[in-house]
Amino acid sequence: MPLTRGPVIVVDDDAAVRNSLKFALELEGMDVRLYEDGAQLLSEAELPARGCLVLDYRMPVMTGLELLEALRDRDVSLPAILITAKATEELHGRAARSGFRRILEKPLEDSKLLDSIRSALAAS
């Protein structure tokens, strides 16, 4: 049964990650929108009021933390999940202070991301 709580917005500079997440999440009935970087997402005239953000930490131009800050400055309050190749204790703290609901390490092999997205969509 498809979720109706808005799209999952995935921002990652790695096309393979973006496309594999899109495939897996669409199999779960989710509406998925892909962006290759923060600037591309920020160029959108209007962002949905409901949904969920899945942001990569390390991207060219701006990090996922900087992107979330820019979105919050635009009054975008969608719940956000940070994905990264290396989640240090410092990054966990910075992500929590920035407003991320969850930080997950790549590779995303188990159901943690899907469970986190479902929880975020239910809260949005």
PDB file of N, CA and C in Angstrom:
ATOM      1  N   MET A   1       0.843  -1.181   0.000  1.00  0.00           N
ATOM      2  CA  MET A   1       0.000   0.000   0.000  1.00  0.00           C
ATOM      3  C   MET A   1       0.888   1.245   0.000  1.00  0.00           C
ATOM      4  N   PRO A   2       0.722   2.159  -0.978  1.00  0.00           N
ATOM      5  CA  PRO A   2       1.567   3.335  -1.052  1.00  0.00           C
ATOM      6  C   PRO A   2       1.359   4.271   0.124  1.00  0.00           C
ATOM      7  N   LEU A   3       2.461   4.881   0.547  1.00  0.00           N
ATOM      8  CA  LEU A   3       2.383   5.890   1.597  1.00  0.00           C
ATOM      9  C   LEU A   3       1.878   7.192   0.988  1.00  0.00           C
ATOM     10  N   THR A   4       1.122   7.946   1.738  1.00  0.00           N
ATOM     11  CA  THR A   4       0.559   9.187   1.210  1.00  0.00           C
ATOM     12  C   THR A   4       1.007  10.389   2.021  1.00  0.00           C
ATOM     13  N   ARG A   5       2.132  10.300   2.636  1.00  0.00           N
ATOM     14  CA  ARG A   5       2.599  11.378   3.508  1.00  0.00           C
ATOM     15  C   ARG A   5       3.643  12.260   2.839  1.00  0.00           C
ATOM     16  N   GLY A   6       3.693  12.296   1.539  1.00  0.00           N
ATOM     17  CA  GLY A   6       4.636  13.144   0.830  1.00  0.00           C
ATOM     18  C   GLY A   6       5.820  12.364   0.308  1.00  0.00           C
ATOM     19  N   PRO A   7       6.632  13.032  -0.503  1.00  0.00           N
ATOM     20  CA  PRO A   7       7.750  12.343  -1.142  1.00  0.00           C
ATOM     21  C   PRO A   7       8.956  12.178  -0.235  1.00  0.00           C
ATOM     22  N   VAL A   8       9.796  11.233  -0.607  1.00  0.00           N
ATOM     23  CA  VAL A   8      11.114  11.083  -0.018  1.00  0.00           C
ATOM     24  C   VAL A   8      12.060  11.813  -0.966  1.00  0.00           C
ATOM     25  N   ILE A   9      12.705  12.848  -0.464  1.00  0.00           N
ATOM     26  CA  ILE A   9      13.620  13.649  -1.272  1.00  0.00           C
ATOM     27  C   ILE A   9      15.038  13.186  -0.958  1.00  0.00           C
ATOM     28  N   VAL A  10      15.690  12.595  -1.955  1.00  0.00           N
ATOM     29  CA  VAL A  10      17.035  12.048  -1.790  1.00  0.00           C
ATOM     30  C   VAL A  10      18.025  12.984  -2.477  1.00  0.00           C
ATOM     31  N   VAL A  11      19.031  13.446  -1.715  1.00  0.00           N
ATOM     32  CA  VAL A  11      20.085  14.291  -2.272  1.00  0.00           C
ATOM     33  C   VAL A  11      21.418  13.590  -2.025  1.00  0.00           C
ATOM     34  N   ASP A  12      22.046  13.134  -3.121  1.00  0.00           N
ATOM     35  CA  ASP A  12      23.332  12.447  -3.037  1.00  0.00           C
ATOM     36  C   ASP A  12      24.055  12.653  -4.364  1.00  0.00           C
ATOM     37  N   ASP A  13      25.337  12.970  -4.313  1.00  0.00           N
ATOM     38  CA  ASP A  13      26.093  13.216  -5.538  1.00  0.00           C
ATOM     39  C   ASP A  13      26.450  11.929  -6.281  1.00  0.00           C
ATOM     40  N   ASP A  14      26.262  10.783  -5.674  1.00  0.00           N
ATOM     41  CA  ASP A  14      26.564   9.497  -6.296  1.00  0.00           C
ATOM     42  C   ASP A  14      25.309   8.960  -6.990  1.00  0.00           C
ATOM     43  N   ALA A  15      25.343   8.924  -8.316  1.00  0.00           N
ATOM     44  CA  ALA A  15      24.175   8.482  -9.092  1.00  0.00           C
ATOM     45  C   ALA A  15      23.759   7.058  -8.741  1.00  0.00           C
ATOM     46  N   ALA A  16      24.728   6.185  -8.473  1.00  0.00           N
ATOM     47  CA  ALA A  16      24.391   4.799  -8.138  1.00  0.00           C
ATOM     48  C   ALA A  16      23.610   4.731  -6.828  1.00  0.00           C
ATOM     49  N   VAL A  17      24.002   5.534  -5.852  1.00  0.00           N
ATOM     50  CA  VAL A  17      23.280   5.563  -4.579  1.00  0.00           C
ATOM     51  C   VAL A  17      21.873   6.117  -4.799  1.00  0.00           C
ATOM     52  N   ARG A  18      21.777   7.236  -5.519  1.00  0.00           N
ATOM     53  CA  ARG A  18      20.457   7.840  -5.788  1.00  0.00           C
ATOM     54  C   ARG A  18      19.529   6.839  -6.457  1.00  0.00           C
ATOM     55  N   ASN A  19      20.009   6.212  -7.512  1.00  0.00           N
ATOM     56  CA  ASN A  19      19.150   5.313  -8.279  1.00  0.00           C
ATOM     57  C   ASN A  19      18.790   4.047  -7.516  1.00  0.00           C
ATOM     58  N   SER A  20      19.725   3.517  -6.727  1.00  0.00           N
ATOM     59  CA  SER A  20      19.392   2.310  -5.957  1.00  0.00           C
ATOM     60  C   SER A  20      18.381   2.644  -4.859  1.00  0.00           C
ATOM     61  N   LEU A  21      18.517   3.818  -4.229  1.00  0.00           N
ATOM     62  CA  LEU A  21      17.527   4.210  -3.221  1.00  0.00           C
ATOM     63  C   LEU A  21      16.165   4.417  -3.858  1.00  0.00           C
ATOM     64  N   LYS A  22      16.138   5.051  -5.019  1.00  0.00           N
ATOM     65  CA  LYS A  22      14.863   5.266  -5.718  1.00  0.00           C
ATOM     66  C   LYS A  22      14.185   3.923  -6.006  1.00  0.00           C
ATOM     67  N   PHE A  23      14.953   2.982  -6.542  1.00  0.00           N
ATOM     68  CA  PHE A  23      14.403   1.666  -6.859  1.00  0.00           C
ATOM     69  C   PHE A  23      13.838   0.985  -5.609  1.00  0.00           C
ATOM     70  N   ALA A  24      14.641   0.948  -4.542  1.00  0.00           N
ATOM     71  CA  ALA A  24      14.218   0.252  -3.325  1.00  0.00           C
ATOM     72  C   ALA A  24      13.014   0.923  -2.676  1.00  0.00           C
ATOM     73  N   LEU A  25      13.006   2.240  -2.624  1.00  0.00           N
ATOM     74  CA  LEU A  25      11.906   2.953  -1.968  1.00  0.00           C
ATOM     75  C   LEU A  25      10.628   2.904  -2.794  1.00  0.00           C
ATOM     76  N   GLU A  26      10.751   2.947  -4.111  1.00  0.00           N
ATOM     77  CA  GLU A  26       9.549   2.826  -4.946  1.00  0.00           C
ATOM     78  C   GLU A  26       8.932   1.433  -4.831  1.00  0.00           C
ATOM     79  N   LEU A  27       9.767   0.421  -4.624  1.00  0.00           N
ATOM     80  CA  LEU A  27       9.230  -0.928  -4.392  1.00  0.00           C
ATOM     81  C   LEU A  27       8.369  -0.963  -3.129  1.00  0.00           C
ATOM     82  N   GLU A  28       8.667  -0.077  -2.190  1.00  0.00           N
ATOM     83  CA  GLU A  28       7.902   0.031  -0.945  1.00  0.00           C
ATOM     84  C   GLU A  28       6.698   0.966  -1.091  1.00  0.00           C
ATOM     85  N   GLY A  29       6.455   1.460  -2.310  1.00  0.00           N
ATOM     86  CA  GLY A  29       5.297   2.301  -2.566  1.00  0.00           C
ATOM     87  C   GLY A  29       5.516   3.775  -2.278  1.00  0.00           C
ATOM     88  N   MET A  30       6.759   4.184  -2.152  1.00  0.00           N
ATOM     89  CA  MET A  30       7.041   5.585  -1.824  1.00  0.00           C
ATOM     90  C   MET A  30       7.271   6.419  -3.088  1.00  0.00           C
ATOM     91  N   ASP A  31       6.871   7.673  -3.014  1.00  0.00           N
ATOM     92  CA  ASP A  31       7.153   8.657  -4.054  1.00  0.00           C
ATOM     93  C   ASP A  31       8.554   9.188  -3.768  1.00  0.00           C
ATOM     94  N   VAL A  32       9.459   9.099  -4.736  1.00  0.00           N
ATOM     95  CA  VAL A  32      10.855   9.471  -4.517  1.00  0.00           C
ATOM     96  C   VAL A  32      11.256  10.541  -5.521  1.00  0.00           C
ATOM     97  N   ARG A  33      11.911  11.585  -5.028  1.00  0.00           N
ATOM     98  CA  ARG A  33      12.463  12.642  -5.872  1.00  0.00           C
ATOM     99  C   ARG A  33      13.965  12.679  -5.660  1.00  0.00           C
ATOM    100  N   LEU A  34      14.720  12.725  -6.758  1.00  0.00           N
ATOM    101  CA  LEU A  34      16.176  12.668  -6.685  1.00  0.00           C
ATOM    102  C   LEU A  34      16.815  13.998  -7.061  1.00  0.00           C
ATOM    103  N   TYR A  35      17.887  14.340  -6.340  1.00  0.00           N
ATOM    104  CA  TYR A  35      18.678  15.543  -6.617  1.00  0.00           C
ATOM    105  C   TYR A  35      20.139  15.170  -6.457  1.00  0.00           C
ATOM    106  N   GLU A  36      20.993  15.676  -7.347  1.00  0.00           N
ATOM    107  CA  GLU A  36      22.408  15.317  -7.273  1.00  0.00           C
ATOM    108  C   GLU A  36      23.215  16.198  -6.345  1.00  0.00           C
ATOM    109  N   ASP A  37      22.660  17.343  -5.945  1.00  0.00           N
ATOM    110  CA  ASP A  37      23.364  18.183  -4.979  1.00  0.00           C
ATOM    111  C   ASP A  37      22.397  19.169  -4.337  1.00  0.00           C
ATOM    112  N   GLY A  38      22.899  19.855  -3.327  1.00  0.00           N
ATOM    113  CA  GLY A  38      22.065  20.793  -2.586  1.00  0.00           C
ATOM    114  C   GLY A  38      21.580  21.951  -3.436  1.00  0.00           C
ATOM    115  N   ALA A  39      22.438  22.442  -4.329  1.00  0.00           N
ATOM    116  CA  ALA A  39      22.054  23.574  -5.172  1.00  0.00           C
ATOM    117  C   ALA A  39      20.862  23.209  -6.056  1.00  0.00           C
ATOM    118  N   GLN A  40      20.855  21.993  -6.559  1.00  0.00           N
ATOM    119  CA  GLN A  40      19.738  21.559  -7.401  1.00  0.00           C
ATOM    120  C   GLN A  40      18.431  21.549  -6.602  1.00  0.00           C
ATOM    121  N   LEU A  41      18.473  21.053  -5.378  1.00  0.00           N
ATOM    122  CA  LEU A  41      17.268  21.055  -4.541  1.00  0.00           C
ATOM    123  C   LEU A  41      16.852  22.479  -4.184  1.00  0.00           C
ATOM    124  N   LEU A  42      17.821  23.308  -3.822  1.00  0.00           N
ATOM    125  CA  LEU A  42      17.502  24.682  -3.433  1.00  0.00           C
ATOM    126  C   LEU A  42      16.968  25.509  -4.597  1.00  0.00           C
ATOM    127  N   SER A  43      17.225  25.080  -5.829  1.00  0.00           N
ATOM    128  CA  SER A  43      16.718  25.815  -6.993  1.00  0.00           C
ATOM    129  C   SER A  43      15.231  25.574  -7.239  1.00  0.00           C
ATOM    130  N   GLU A  44      14.655  24.592  -6.563  1.00  0.00           N
ATOM    131  CA  GLU A  44      13.224  24.334  -6.690  1.00  0.00           C
ATOM    132  C   GLU A  44      12.442  25.536  -6.167  1.00  0.00           C
ATOM    133  N   ALA A  45      11.476  25.986  -6.933  1.00  0.00           N
ATOM    134  CA  ALA A  45      10.675  27.145  -6.525  1.00  0.00           C
ATOM    135  C   ALA A  45       9.847  26.827  -5.285  1.00  0.00           C
ATOM    136  N   GLU A  46       9.346  25.618  -5.226  1.00  0.00           N
ATOM    137  CA  GLU A  46       8.478  25.236  -4.116  1.00  0.00           C
ATOM    138  C   GLU A  46       8.782  23.804  -3.704  1.00  0.00           C
ATOM    139  N   LEU A  47       8.918  23.604  -2.417  1.00  0.00           N
ATOM    140  CA  LEU A  47       9.151  22.265  -1.894  1.00  0.00           C
ATOM    141  C   LEU A  47       7.902  21.795  -1.159  1.00  0.00           C
ATOM    142  N   PRO A  48       7.685  20.490  -1.102  1.00  0.00           N
ATOM    143  CA  PRO A  48       6.470  19.986  -0.461  1.00  0.00           C
ATOM    144  C   PRO A  48       6.417  20.303   1.029  1.00  0.00           C
ATOM    145  N   ALA A  49       5.216  20.414   1.538  1.00  0.00           N
ATOM    146  CA  ALA A  49       5.019  20.676   2.968  1.00  0.00           C
ATOM    147  C   ALA A  49       5.160  19.401   3.785  1.00  0.00           C
ATOM    148  N   ARG A  50       4.986  18.263   3.136  1.00  0.00           N
ATOM    149  CA  ARG A  50       5.092  16.971   3.822  1.00  0.00           C
ATOM    150  C   ARG A  50       6.090  16.099   3.082  1.00  0.00           C
ATOM    151  N   GLY A  51       6.652  15.171   3.784  1.00  0.00           N
ATOM    152  CA  GLY A  51       7.611  14.264   3.178  1.00  0.00           C
ATOM    153  C   GLY A  51       8.793  14.059   4.096  1.00  0.00           C
ATOM    154  N   CYS A  52       9.935  13.731   3.503  1.00  0.00           N
ATOM    155  CA  CYS A  52      11.127  13.385   4.261  1.00  0.00           C
ATOM    156  C   CYS A  52      12.350  13.675   3.402  1.00  0.00           C
ATOM    157  N   LEU A  53      13.421  14.123   4.045  1.00  0.00           N
ATOM    158  CA  LEU A  53      14.689  14.380   3.374  1.00  0.00           C
ATOM    159  C   LEU A  53      15.687  13.284   3.730  1.00  0.00           C
ATOM    160  N   VAL A  54      16.384  12.767   2.728  1.00  0.00           N
ATOM    161  CA  VAL A  54      17.505  11.864   2.937  1.00  0.00           C
ATOM    162  C   VAL A  54      18.697  12.540   2.281  1.00  0.00           C
ATOM    163  N   LEU A  55      19.623  13.055   3.107  1.00  0.00           N
ATOM    164  CA  LEU A  55      20.721  13.870   2.611  1.00  0.00           C
ATOM    165  C   LEU A  55      22.058  13.193   2.860  1.00  0.00           C
ATOM    166  N   ASP A  56      22.878  13.143   1.826  1.00  0.00           N
ATOM    167  CA  ASP A  56      24.249  12.661   1.976  1.00  0.00           C
ATOM    168  C   ASP A  56      25.048  13.728   2.714  1.00  0.00           C
ATOM    169  N   TYR A  57      25.990  13.307   3.527  1.00  0.00           N
ATOM    170  CA  TYR A  57      26.794  14.284   4.259  1.00  0.00           C
ATOM    171  C   TYR A  57      27.824  14.950   3.348  1.00  0.00           C
ATOM    172  N   ARG A  58      28.642  14.154   2.687  1.00  0.00           N
ATOM    173  CA  ARG A  58      29.759  14.697   1.923  1.00  0.00           C
ATOM    174  C   ARG A  58      29.382  14.816   0.448  1.00  0.00           C
ATOM    175  N   MET A  59      29.166  16.073   0.020  1.00  0.00           N
ATOM    176  CA  MET A  59      28.855  16.374  -1.378  1.00  0.00           C
ATOM    177  C   MET A  59      29.647  17.608  -1.789  1.00  0.00           C
ATOM    178  N   PRO A  60      29.899  17.771  -3.094  1.00  0.00           N
ATOM    179  CA  PRO A  60      30.562  18.996  -3.553  1.00  0.00           C
ATOM    180  C   PRO A  60      29.691  20.221  -3.251  1.00  0.00           C
ATOM    181  N   VAL A  61      30.274  21.338  -3.121  1.00  0.00           N
ATOM    182  CA  VAL A  61      29.648  22.646  -2.902  1.00  0.00           C
ATOM    183  C   VAL A  61      29.156  22.822  -1.470  1.00  0.00           C
ATOM    184  N   MET A  62      28.277  21.943  -0.990  1.00  0.00           N
ATOM    185  CA  MET A  62      27.797  22.049   0.393  1.00  0.00           C
ATOM    186  C   MET A  62      27.547  20.672   0.970  1.00  0.00           C
ATOM    187  N   THR A  63      27.732  20.559   2.267  1.00  0.00           N
ATOM    188  CA  THR A  63      27.483  19.282   2.945  1.00  0.00           C
ATOM    189  C   THR A  63      25.982  19.124   3.204  1.00  0.00           C
ATOM    190  N   GLY A  64      25.607  17.936   3.619  1.00  0.00           N
ATOM    191  CA  GLY A  64      24.219  17.714   4.004  1.00  0.00           C
ATOM    192  C   GLY A  64      23.800  18.586   5.175  1.00  0.00           C
ATOM    193  N   LEU A  65      24.739  18.849   6.102  1.00  0.00           N
ATOM    194  CA  LEU A  65      24.446  19.735   7.239  1.00  0.00           C
ATOM    195  C   LEU A  65      24.159  21.150   6.749  1.00  0.00           C
ATOM    196  N   GLU A  66      24.993  21.642   5.838  1.00  0.00           N
ATOM    197  CA  GLU A  66      24.791  22.992   5.287  1.00  0.00           C
ATOM    198  C   GLU A  66      23.493  23.075   4.492  1.00  0.00           C
ATOM    199  N   LEU A  67      23.172  22.008   3.763  1.00  0.00           N
ATOM    200  CA  LEU A  67      21.928  21.985   2.993  1.00  0.00           C
ATOM    201  C   LEU A  67      20.725  22.052   3.924  1.00  0.00           C
ATOM    202  N   LEU A  68      20.733  21.277   4.994  1.00  0.00           N
ATOM    203  CA  LEU A  68      19.602  21.314   5.920  1.00  0.00           C
ATOM    204  C   LEU A  68      19.458  22.702   6.536  1.00  0.00           C
ATOM    205  N   GLU A  69      20.571  23.328   6.865  1.00  0.00           N
ATOM    206  CA  GLU A  69      20.522  24.689   7.413  1.00  0.00           C
ATOM    207  C   GLU A  69      19.896  25.656   6.395  1.00  0.00           C
ATOM    208  N   ALA A  70      20.286  25.539   5.135  1.00  0.00           N
ATOM    209  CA  ALA A  70      19.717  26.406   4.092  1.00  0.00           C
ATOM    210  C   ALA A  70      18.224  26.148   3.920  1.00  0.00           C
ATOM    211  N   LEU A  71      17.815  24.896   4.026  1.00  0.00           N
ATOM    212  CA  LEU A  71      16.390  24.568   3.917  1.00  0.00           C
ATOM    213  C   LEU A  71      15.615  25.117   5.113  1.00  0.00           C
ATOM    214  N   ARG A  72      16.184  25.001   6.303  1.00  0.00           N
ATOM    215  CA  ARG A  72      15.515  25.542   7.492  1.00  0.00           C
ATOM    216  C   ARG A  72      15.388  27.062   7.388  1.00  0.00           C
ATOM    217  N   ASP A  73      16.402  27.722   6.788  1.00  0.00           N
ATOM    218  CA  ASP A  73      16.330  29.170   6.572  1.00  0.00           C
ATOM    219  C   ASP A  73      15.184  29.539   5.621  1.00  0.00           C
ATOM    220  N   ARG A  74      14.785  28.590   4.783  1.00  0.00           N
ATOM    221  CA  ARG A  74      13.652  28.784   3.870  1.00  0.00           C
ATOM    222  C   ARG A  74      12.343  28.272   4.478  1.00  0.00           C
ATOM    223  N   ASP A  75      12.362  27.982   5.761  1.00  0.00           N
ATOM    224  CA  ASP A  75      11.196  27.473   6.494  1.00  0.00           C
ATOM    225  C   ASP A  75      10.729  26.105   6.020  1.00  0.00           C
ATOM    226  N   VAL A  76      11.641  25.293   5.505  1.00  0.00           N
ATOM    227  CA  VAL A  76      11.337  23.909   5.156  1.00  0.00           C
ATOM    228  C   VAL A  76      11.591  23.079   6.409  1.00  0.00           C
ATOM    229  N   SER A  77      10.544  22.471   6.927  1.00  0.00           N
ATOM    230  CA  SER A  77      10.658  21.756   8.199  1.00  0.00           C
ATOM    231  C   SER A  77      10.503  20.243   8.049  1.00  0.00           C
ATOM    232  N   LEU A  78      10.734  19.716   6.868  1.00  0.00           N
ATOM    233  CA  LEU A  78      10.624  18.275   6.661  1.00  0.00           C
ATOM    234  C   LEU A  78      11.615  17.530   7.555  1.00  0.00           C
ATOM    235  N   PRO A  79      11.220  16.386   8.106  1.00  0.00           N
ATOM    236  CA  PRO A  79      12.163  15.589   8.880  1.00  0.00           C
ATOM    237  C   PRO A  79      13.313  15.138   7.982  1.00  0.00           C
ATOM    238  N   ALA A  80      14.517  15.062   8.547  1.00  0.00           N
ATOM    239  CA  ALA A  80      15.698  14.763   7.748  1.00  0.00           C
ATOM    240  C   ALA A  80      16.522  13.631   8.338  1.00  0.00           C
ATOM    241  N   ILE A  81      17.079  12.827   7.428  1.00  0.00           N
ATOM    242  CA  ILE A  81      17.964  11.716   7.768  1.00  0.00           C
ATOM    243  C   ILE A  81      19.272  11.971   7.042  1.00  0.00           C
ATOM    244  N   LEU A  82      20.382  11.839   7.750  1.00  0.00           N
ATOM    245  CA  LEU A  82      21.701  12.037   7.157  1.00  0.00           C
ATOM    246  C   LEU A  82      22.334  10.688   6.894  1.00  0.00           C
ATOM    247  N   ILE A  83      22.871  10.506   5.682  1.00  0.00           N
ATOM    248  CA  ILE A  83      23.606   9.285   5.362  1.00  0.00           C
ATOM    249  C   ILE A  83      25.058   9.662   5.083  1.00  0.00           C
ATOM    250  N   THR A  84      25.973   8.815   5.524  1.00  0.00           N
ATOM    251  CA  THR A  84      27.397   9.118   5.389  1.00  0.00           C
ATOM    252  C   THR A  84      28.212   7.835   5.346  1.00  0.00           C
ATOM    253  N   ALA A  85      29.389   7.926   4.760  1.00  0.00           N
ATOM    254  CA  ALA A  85      30.287   6.772   4.718  1.00  0.00           C
ATOM    255  C   ALA A  85      30.979   6.564   6.058  1.00  0.00           C
ATOM    256  N   LYS A  86      31.163   7.642   6.825  1.00  0.00           N
ATOM    257  CA  LYS A  86      31.849   7.517   8.116  1.00  0.00           C
ATOM    258  C   LYS A  86      31.174   8.430   9.133  1.00  0.00           C
ATOM    259  N   ALA A  87      30.481   7.835  10.072  1.00  0.00           N
ATOM    260  CA  ALA A  87      29.745   8.585  11.091  1.00  0.00           C
ATOM    261  C   ALA A  87      30.575   8.664  12.364  1.00  0.00           C
ATOM    262  N   THR A  88      31.287   9.752  12.526  1.00  0.00           N
ATOM    263  CA  THR A  88      32.075   9.948  13.741  1.00  0.00           C
ATOM    264  C   THR A  88      31.169  10.442  14.870  1.00  0.00           C
ATOM    265  N   GLU A  89      31.699  10.397  16.080  1.00  0.00           N
ATOM    266  CA  GLU A  89      30.950  10.909  17.224  1.00  0.00           C
ATOM    267  C   GLU A  89      30.671  12.412  17.057  1.00  0.00           C
ATOM    268  N   GLU A  90      31.683  13.132  16.543  1.00  0.00           N
ATOM    269  CA  GLU A  90      31.511  14.568  16.306  1.00  0.00           C
ATOM    270  C   GLU A  90      30.399  14.834  15.293  1.00  0.00           C
ATOM    271  N   LEU A  91      30.384  14.046  14.214  1.00  0.00           N
ATOM    272  CA  LEU A  91      29.348  14.227  13.196  1.00  0.00           C
ATOM    273  C   LEU A  91      27.972  13.914  13.764  1.00  0.00           C
ATOM    274  N   HIS A  92      27.859  12.886  14.584  1.00  0.00           N
ATOM    275  CA  HIS A  92      26.580  12.573  15.231  1.00  0.00           C
ATOM    276  C   HIS A  92      26.074  13.774  16.022  1.00  0.00           C
ATOM    277  N   GLY A  93      26.960  14.390  16.792  1.00  0.00           N
ATOM    278  CA  GLY A  93      26.578  15.557  17.583  1.00  0.00           C
ATOM    279  C   GLY A  93      26.164  16.730  16.718  1.00  0.00           C
ATOM    280  N   ARG A  94      26.961  17.022  15.692  1.00  0.00           N
ATOM    281  CA  ARG A  94      26.630  18.136  14.793  1.00  0.00           C
ATOM    282  C   ARG A  94      25.308  17.887  14.074  1.00  0.00           C
ATOM    283  N   ALA A  95      25.087  16.648  13.633  1.00  0.00           N
ATOM    284  CA  ALA A  95      23.844  16.319  12.928  1.00  0.00           C
ATOM    285  C   ALA A  95      22.638  16.470  13.853  1.00  0.00           C
ATOM    286  N   ALA A  96      22.773  16.012  15.086  1.00  0.00           N
ATOM    287  CA  ALA A  96      21.674  16.137  16.051  1.00  0.00           C
ATOM    288  C   ALA A  96      21.363  17.608  16.320  1.00  0.00           C
ATOM    289  N   ARG A  97      22.396  18.416  16.502  1.00  0.00           N
ATOM    290  CA  ARG A  97      22.181  19.850  16.743  1.00  0.00           C
ATOM    291  C   ARG A  97      21.587  20.550  15.522  1.00  0.00           C
ATOM    292  N   SER A  98      21.863  20.019  14.339  1.00  0.00           N
ATOM    293  CA  SER A  98      21.327  20.611  13.105  1.00  0.00           C
ATOM    294  C   SER A  98      19.875  20.223  12.850  1.00  0.00           C
ATOM    295  N   GLY A  99      19.394  19.223  13.570  1.00  0.00           N
ATOM    296  CA  GLY A  99      18.000  18.838  13.424  1.00  0.00           C
ATOM    297  C   GLY A  99      17.747  17.543  12.681  1.00  0.00           C
ATOM    298  N   PHE A 100      18.791  16.758  12.424  1.00  0.00           N
ATOM    299  CA  PHE A 100      18.579  15.463  11.767  1.00  0.00           C
ATOM    300  C   PHE A 100      17.951  14.497  12.759  1.00  0.00           C
ATOM    301  N   ARG A 101      16.959  13.745  12.294  1.00  0.00           N
ATOM    302  CA  ARG A 101      16.306  12.738  13.129  1.00  0.00           C
ATOM    303  C   ARG A 101      17.207  11.530  13.343  1.00  0.00           C
ATOM    304  N   ARG A 102      18.018  11.233  12.330  1.00  0.00           N
ATOM    305  CA  ARG A 102      18.824  10.007  12.361  1.00  0.00           C
ATOM    306  C   ARG A 102      20.049  10.202  11.490  1.00  0.00           C
ATOM    307  N   ILE A 103      21.140   9.556  11.821  1.00  0.00           N
ATOM    308  CA  ILE A 103      22.323   9.505  10.975  1.00  0.00           C
ATOM    309  C   ILE A 103      22.649   8.038  10.753  1.00  0.00           C
ATOM    310  N   LEU A 104      22.813   7.670   9.493  1.00  0.00           N
ATOM    311  CA  LEU A 104      23.048   6.269   9.133  1.00  0.00           C
ATOM    312  C   LEU A 104      24.305   6.158   8.291  1.00  0.00           C
ATOM    313  N   GLU A 105      25.036   5.058   8.513  1.00  0.00           N
ATOM    314  CA  GLU A 105      26.273   4.834   7.783  1.00  0.00           C
ATOM    315  C   GLU A 105      26.049   3.979   6.548  1.00  0.00           C
ATOM    316  N   LYS A 106      26.729   4.374   5.464  1.00  0.00           N
ATOM    317  CA  LYS A 106      26.752   3.562   4.250  1.00  0.00           C
ATOM    318  C   LYS A 106      27.784   2.453   4.459  1.00  0.00           C
ATOM    319  N   PRO A 107      27.602   1.309   3.866  1.00  0.00           N
ATOM    320  CA  PRO A 107      26.498   0.958   2.982  1.00  0.00           C
ATOM    321  C   PRO A 107      25.203   0.719   3.765  1.00  0.00           C
ATOM    322  N   LEU A 108      24.118   1.067   3.149  1.00  0.00           N
ATOM    323  CA  LEU A 108      22.789   0.969   3.771  1.00  0.00           C
ATOM    324  C   LEU A 108      22.225  -0.412   3.464  1.00  0.00           C
ATOM    325  N   GLU A 109      22.633  -1.405   4.252  1.00  0.00           N
ATOM    326  CA  GLU A 109      22.332  -2.794   3.927  1.00  0.00           C
ATOM    327  C   GLU A 109      21.139  -3.401   4.648  1.00  0.00           C
ATOM    328  N   ASP A 110      20.711  -2.835   5.741  1.00  0.00           N
ATOM    329  CA  ASP A 110      19.595  -3.449   6.452  1.00  0.00           C
ATOM    330  C   ASP A 110      18.380  -2.522   6.392  1.00  0.00           C
ATOM    331  N   SER A 111      17.436  -2.738   7.254  1.00  0.00           N
ATOM    332  CA  SER A 111      16.179  -1.987   7.174  1.00  0.00           C
ATOM    333  C   SER A 111      16.210  -0.667   7.942  1.00  0.00           C
ATOM    334  N   LYS A 112      17.363  -0.253   8.475  1.00  0.00           N
ATOM    335  CA  LYS A 112      17.417   0.972   9.278  1.00  0.00           C
ATOM    336  C   LYS A 112      16.949   2.196   8.504  1.00  0.00           C
ATOM    337  N   LEU A 113      17.385   2.330   7.246  1.00  0.00           N
ATOM    338  CA  LEU A 113      16.973   3.497   6.459  1.00  0.00           C
ATOM    339  C   LEU A 113      15.477   3.452   6.196  1.00  0.00           C
ATOM    340  N   LEU A 114      14.976   2.321   5.762  1.00  0.00           N
ATOM    341  CA  LEU A 114      13.545   2.197   5.477  1.00  0.00           C
ATOM    342  C   LEU A 114      12.710   2.468   6.730  1.00  0.00           C
ATOM    343  N   ASP A 115      13.119   1.913   7.857  1.00  0.00           N
ATOM    344  CA  ASP A 115      12.404   2.158   9.114  1.00  0.00           C
ATOM    345  C   ASP A 115      12.451   3.636   9.499  1.00  0.00           C
ATOM    346  N   SER A 116      13.610   4.263   9.305  1.00  0.00           N
ATOM    347  CA  SER A 116      13.762   5.688   9.617  1.00  0.00           C
ATOM    348  C   SER A 116      12.890   6.552   8.720  1.00  0.00           C
ATOM    349  N   ILE A 117      12.825   6.206   7.451  1.00  0.00           N
ATOM    350  CA  ILE A 117      11.994   6.955   6.500  1.00  0.00           C
ATOM    351  C   ILE A 117      10.516   6.797   6.859  1.00  0.00           C
ATOM    352  N   ARG A 118      10.103   5.585   7.141  1.00  0.00           N
ATOM    353  CA  ARG A 118       8.689   5.373   7.529  1.00  0.00           C
ATOM    354  C   ARG A 118       8.327   6.187   8.755  1.00  0.00           C
ATOM    355  N   SER A 119       9.217   6.202   9.744  1.00  0.00           N
ATOM    356  CA  SER A 119       8.984   6.982  10.961  1.00  0.00           C
ATOM    357  C   SER A 119       8.916   8.467  10.642  1.00  0.00           C
ATOM    358  N   ALA A 120       9.819   8.952   9.800  1.00  0.00           N
ATOM    359  CA  ALA A 120       9.834  10.373   9.426  1.00  0.00           C
ATOM    360  C   ALA A 120       8.571  10.748   8.656  1.00  0.00           C
ATOM    361  N   LEU A 121       8.151   9.892   7.740  1.00  0.00           N
ATOM    362  CA  LEU A 121       6.929  10.179   6.972  1.00  0.00           C
ATOM    363  C   LEU A 121       5.703  10.197   7.869  1.00  0.00           C
ATOM    364  N   ALA A 122       5.666   9.309   8.833  1.00  0.00           N
ATOM    365  CA  ALA A 122       4.530   9.283   9.764  1.00  0.00           C
ATOM    366  C   ALA A 122       4.483  10.549  10.596  1.00  0.00           C
ATOM    367  N   ALA A 123       5.649  11.143  10.872  1.00  0.00           N
ATOM    368  CA  ALA A 123       5.720  12.343  11.690  1.00  0.00           C
ATOM    369  C   ALA A 123       5.493  13.623  10.895  1.00  0.00           C
ATOM    370  N   SER A 124       5.623  13.539   9.563  1.00  0.00           N
ATOM    371  CA  SER A 124       5.533  14.779   8.767  1.00  0.00           C
ATOM    372  C   SER A 124       4.111  15.227   8.542  1.00  0.00           C
TER     373      SER A 124
END
